[in-house]
Protein backbone atom coordinates (compact mmCIF):
# COMPACT_ATOMS: atom_id res chain seq x y z
CA MET A 1 -17.17 -12.70 5.41
CA LEU A 2 -17.32 -15.30 2.67
CA GLU A 3 -20.00 -13.43 0.73
CA ASP A 4 -18.02 -10.18 0.97
CA LEU A 5 -14.86 -11.96 -0.22
CA LYS A 6 -16.77 -13.48 -3.14
CA LYS A 7 -17.88 -10.01 -4.21
CA MET A 8 -14.26 -8.84 -4.01
CA ALA A 9 -13.16 -11.86 -6.06
CA GLU A 10 -15.81 -11.15 -8.69
CA SER A 11 -14.52 -7.60 -9.08
CA TYR A 12 -10.86 -8.67 -8.99
CA GLN A 13 -11.48 -11.20 -11.75
CA ILE A 14 -12.07 -8.28 -14.12
CA LYS A 15 -8.98 -6.38 -12.95
CA LYS A 16 -6.46 -9.22 -12.68
CA PRO A 17 -3.95 -9.72 -15.53
CA PRO A 18 -4.37 -13.21 -17.09
CA ASP A 19 -0.79 -14.20 -16.26
CA LEU A 20 -1.15 -13.36 -12.57
CA LYS A 21 -1.77 -16.75 -10.97
CA GLY A 22 -1.34 -18.32 -7.55
CA LYS A 23 -2.97 -19.07 -4.22
CA ILE A 24 -3.28 -16.70 -1.26
CA HIS A 25 -4.47 -17.75 2.17
CA LEU A 26 -6.43 -15.10 4.10
CA LEU A 27 -6.32 -15.47 7.90
CA ILE A 28 -8.88 -13.23 9.59
CA GLY A 29 -8.79 -13.21 13.38
CA GLU A 30 -8.23 -16.55 15.11
CA ASP A 31 -11.11 -18.47 13.57
CA TYR A 32 -11.51 -17.61 9.89
CA GLY A 33 -9.43 -18.95 7.02
CA PHE A 34 -10.09 -18.49 3.31
CA LEU A 35 -8.17 -19.60 0.23
CA VAL A 36 -8.16 -17.29 -2.81
CA LYS A 37 -7.27 -19.10 -6.04
CA LEU A 38 -6.05 -16.84 -8.85
CA GLY A 39 -6.63 -18.68 -12.11
CA LYS A 40 -5.98 -17.53 -15.66
CA SER A 41 -9.58 -16.43 -16.21
CA ASN A 42 -11.25 -16.77 -12.82
CA VAL A 43 -10.80 -15.93 -9.12
CA GLU A 44 -12.30 -18.28 -6.54
CA VAL A 45 -12.67 -18.04 -2.76
CA LYS A 46 -13.42 -20.91 -0.41
CA GLU A 47 -13.26 -21.48 3.33
CA THR A 48 -10.23 -23.37 4.60
CA SER A 49 -8.39 -24.14 7.82
CA VAL A 50 -6.61 -21.32 9.65
CA ASN A 51 -3.73 -23.76 10.13
CA ASP A 52 -3.13 -24.30 6.41
CA THR A 53 0.42 -23.03 5.77
CA ARG A 54 1.03 -24.41 2.28
CA ASP A 55 0.43 -21.07 0.55
CA ILE A 56 1.45 -17.49 1.21
CA GLY A 57 -0.80 -16.00 3.87
CA LEU A 58 -2.18 -12.57 4.66
CA VAL A 59 -2.89 -12.25 8.37
CA MET A 60 -5.26 -9.64 9.80
CA SER A 61 -7.67 -9.00 12.65
CA GLU A 62 -11.42 -8.89 12.16
CA ASP A 63 -11.24 -5.13 12.71
CA THR A 64 -8.70 -4.76 9.89
CA PHE A 65 -10.91 -6.80 7.57
CA SER A 66 -13.84 -4.55 8.51
CA LYS A 67 -11.83 -1.49 7.46
CA LEU A 68 -10.90 -3.16 4.17
CA ASN A 69 -14.47 -4.29 3.54
CA SER A 70 -15.90 -0.81 4.20
CA GLY A 71 -13.32 0.93 1.98
CA GLU A 72 -11.77 2.84 4.88
CA TRP A 73 -8.42 1.25 3.96
CA ASN A 74 -7.17 -0.41 0.81
CA GLY A 75 -4.96 -3.49 1.06
CA MET A 76 -1.72 -1.59 0.58
CA THR A 77 -2.70 0.91 3.29
CA ALA A 78 -3.29 -1.95 5.74
CA ALA A 79 0.00 -3.61 4.73
CA GLY A 80 2.11 -0.42 4.57
CA ARG A 81 5.34 -0.29 6.59
CA SER A 82 8.71 1.44 6.42
CA SER A 83 10.50 -1.89 5.97
CA MET A 84 9.52 -5.54 5.51
CA SER A 85 10.86 -6.32 9.00
CA GLU A 86 8.12 -4.18 10.61
CA SER A 87 4.65 -5.46 11.44
CA ALA A 88 1.42 -3.97 10.07
CA PRO A 89 -2.33 -4.53 10.51
CA LEU A 90 -2.18 -6.75 7.42
CA ASP A 91 0.91 -8.97 7.63
CA PHE A 92 2.54 -11.65 5.51
CA ARG A 93 2.99 -15.29 6.45
CA LEU A 94 5.27 -17.29 4.17
CA PRO A 95 5.32 -21.10 3.95
CA ASP A 96 8.27 -22.76 5.68
CA GLY A 97 11.46 -22.23 3.72
CA ALA A 98 9.90 -19.72 1.32
CA GLU A 99 11.18 -16.19 0.65
CA MET A 100 9.46 -13.06 -0.62
CA ASP A 101 11.06 -12.99 -4.08
CA ASP A 102 10.38 -10.25 -6.63
CA GLU A 103 7.79 -12.29 -8.56
CA THR A 104 5.79 -12.99 -5.41
CA LEU A 105 6.11 -9.36 -4.31
CA GLN A 106 4.70 -8.12 -7.64
CA ILE A 107 1.72 -10.48 -7.26
CA MET A 108 1.13 -9.18 -3.75
CA TYR A 109 1.38 -5.53 -4.85
CA HIS A 110 -1.38 -6.04 -7.42
CA PHE A 111 -3.51 -8.17 -5.12
CA LEU A 112 -3.29 -5.76 -2.19
CA THR A 113 -3.98 -2.73 -4.41
CA HIS A 114 -7.05 -4.16 -6.12
CA PHE A 115 -8.53 -7.26 -4.45
CA PHE A 116 -10.20 -5.71 -1.40
CA SER A 117 -12.06 -3.13 -3.51
CA LYS A 118 -15.47 -4.18 -4.78
CA ASP A 119 -15.36 -1.34 -7.33
CA TYR A 120 -14.44 -1.60 -11.00
CA PRO A 121 -12.31 0.28 -11.74
CA THR A 122 -10.61 0.37 -8.34
CA ILE A 123 -11.43 3.53 -6.39
CA THR A 124 -9.15 4.68 -3.56
CA GLU A 125 -10.45 7.23 -1.06
CA LEU A 126 -7.86 9.69 0.23
CA GLY A 127 -7.58 11.79 3.38
CA ARG A 128 -6.22 11.25 6.89
CA SER A 129 -9.07 8.90 7.88
CA HIS A 130 -8.12 6.57 4.99
CA SER A 131 -4.40 6.53 5.80
CA ARG A 132 -1.91 5.09 8.30
CA LYS A 133 1.31 6.39 9.84
CA VAL A 134 4.26 5.30 7.65
CA HIS A 135 7.67 6.95 7.17
CA GLY A 136 6.72 9.70 9.64
CA GLY A 137 3.52 10.90 7.94
CA ASN A 138 0.13 9.37 7.19
CA ALA A 139 0.07 7.48 3.91
CA ALA A 140 -2.49 5.80 1.65
CA PRO A 141 -0.76 3.89 -1.17
CA ILE A 142 -2.43 4.27 -4.56
CA ALA A 143 -0.57 1.95 -6.96
CA TYR A 144 2.51 -0.26 -6.64
CA GLY A 145 4.35 -2.55 -9.05
CA ASN A 146 5.88 -2.78 -12.51
CA GLY A 147 8.31 0.08 -11.99
CA ILE A 148 6.07 2.56 -10.22
CA ARG A 149 5.02 3.34 -6.65
CA SER A 150 2.56 6.03 -5.66
CA ALA A 151 0.85 7.18 -2.48
CA TYR A 152 -1.11 9.99 -0.90
CA TYR A 153 0.56 11.61 2.14
CA THR A 154 -0.83 13.97 4.74
CA ILE A 155 1.65 15.56 7.14
CA GLN A 156 0.71 17.51 10.27
CA LYS A 157 2.65 20.20 12.13
CA GLY A 158 5.76 18.72 13.70
CA GLU A 159 5.89 15.71 11.36
CA GLN A 160 8.30 14.88 8.56
CA ILE A 161 8.68 12.01 6.13
CA ASN A 162 12.05 10.40 5.46
CA GLU A 163 15.30 10.85 7.31
CA ASP A 164 18.42 9.33 5.75
CA GLU A 165 16.89 7.37 2.86
CA LEU A 166 18.89 7.22 -0.37
CA ASP A 167 16.30 5.54 -2.58
CA PRO A 168 17.53 4.06 -5.89
CA TRP A 169 14.68 5.51 -7.98
CA ASP A 170 13.43 8.85 -9.28
CA GLN A 171 10.72 10.45 -7.15
CA VAL A 172 8.24 13.30 -7.48
CA PHE A 173 6.33 14.99 -4.66
CA THR A 174 3.34 17.02 -5.88
CA VAL A 175 1.54 19.22 -3.33
CA ILE A 176 -2.27 19.16 -3.54
CA GLY A 177 -3.01 21.04 -0.34
CA GLY A 178 -1.48 22.93 2.57
CA SER A 179 2.11 24.09 2.89
CA GLY A 180 5.44 22.87 4.20
CA LYS A 181 9.08 22.51 3.26
CA ALA A 182 11.28 20.04 1.43
CA LEU A 183 15.01 19.55 1.85
CA VAL A 184 16.53 17.95 -1.25
CA ASP A 185 20.28 17.40 -1.38
CA GLY A 186 20.71 20.18 1.18
CA LYS A 187 18.51 22.72 -0.64
CA GLU A 188 15.39 23.97 1.17
CA ILE A 189 12.26 24.36 -0.95
CA GLU A 190 9.00 26.04 0.10
CA LEU A 191 6.03 23.80 -0.61
CA GLU A 192 2.51 24.96 -1.43
CA LYS A 193 -0.35 23.77 -3.59
CA ASN A 194 0.55 23.09 -7.24
CA ILE A 195 4.28 22.80 -6.51
CA SER A 196 5.98 19.60 -7.69
CA VAL A 197 9.53 18.63 -6.68
CA HIS A 198 11.69 15.99 -8.40
CA VAL A 199 14.15 13.97 -6.31
CA PRO A 200 16.92 12.21 -8.27
CA PRO A 201 17.96 8.66 -7.33
CA LYS A 202 20.19 8.22 -4.26
CA THR A 203 19.56 11.79 -3.08
CA GLU A 204 18.85 12.77 0.51
CA HIS A 205 15.39 14.26 0.90
CA ILE A 206 13.02 15.26 3.69
CA VAL A 207 9.50 16.68 3.52
CA ARG A 208 8.31 18.37 6.71
CA LYS A 209 5.63 20.54 8.28
CA ASP A 210 7.12 23.07 10.71
CA GLU A 211 4.25 25.53 11.22
CA GLY A 212 0.61 26.20 10.40
CA GLU A 213 -2.42 24.13 11.31
CA ASP A 214 -3.35 23.00 7.80
CA ASP A 215 -2.14 19.53 6.78
CA LEU A 216 0.46 19.35 4.04
CA GLU A 217 -1.07 16.97 1.48
CA LEU A 218 0.85 15.55 -1.43
CA ILE A 219 0.98 12.79 -4.01
CA TRP A 220 4.25 10.85 -4.04
CA ILE A 221 5.35 8.95 -7.15
CA ALA A 222 8.49 6.82 -7.49
CA TYR A 223 9.36 5.36 -10.87
CA GLY A 224 12.09 3.52 -12.71
CA GLU A 225 13.48 0.02 -13.04
CA LYS A 226 13.98 -0.54 -9.31
CA ALA A 227 10.72 1.02 -8.09
């Protein structure tokens, strides 16, 4: 594991902004602990105790690490959830008394998006096998942070994403495969390849797949100050 993490750190050192600094504790299974130090110009990894709780921790099973190491998942895919109160294959552990403030969250978005990839630039594989069930469909996040969120979604017959969400940001759903329907502010829209739908802030919206055996595949982008 250590050699794989060192290769990830070597790649992340090229991708990391100079002002992104901190320490992240990786807890893999019950027996493996590693500390990732994010310096101004370097990224270091060393073995440490699994009981070290001084720094923010990312907790995962050995199977989850295997999926990250092979490229089956990226970090954001493993950590994806509908809300922070839910659990995920890659979970957060905060030091006693600490909170997930916006600055820490932005660091984690960048780290999870880019650290576990050994590629430069970061390459994210898409498709159902590289995704997890989130918000009712299968998702593979692509990029998060600094006012933008994006993900690949694949939705099968009988599935829908979103229910009563009134998100505070602009959103765009762009269909790259299959067919389905969107309901935006009460208006039904037929979805097919090369159709893109804009959803204004605080607007009810649902994307669903009612019929047909082909997956509805789309790229979701949210943008704006609060994204």
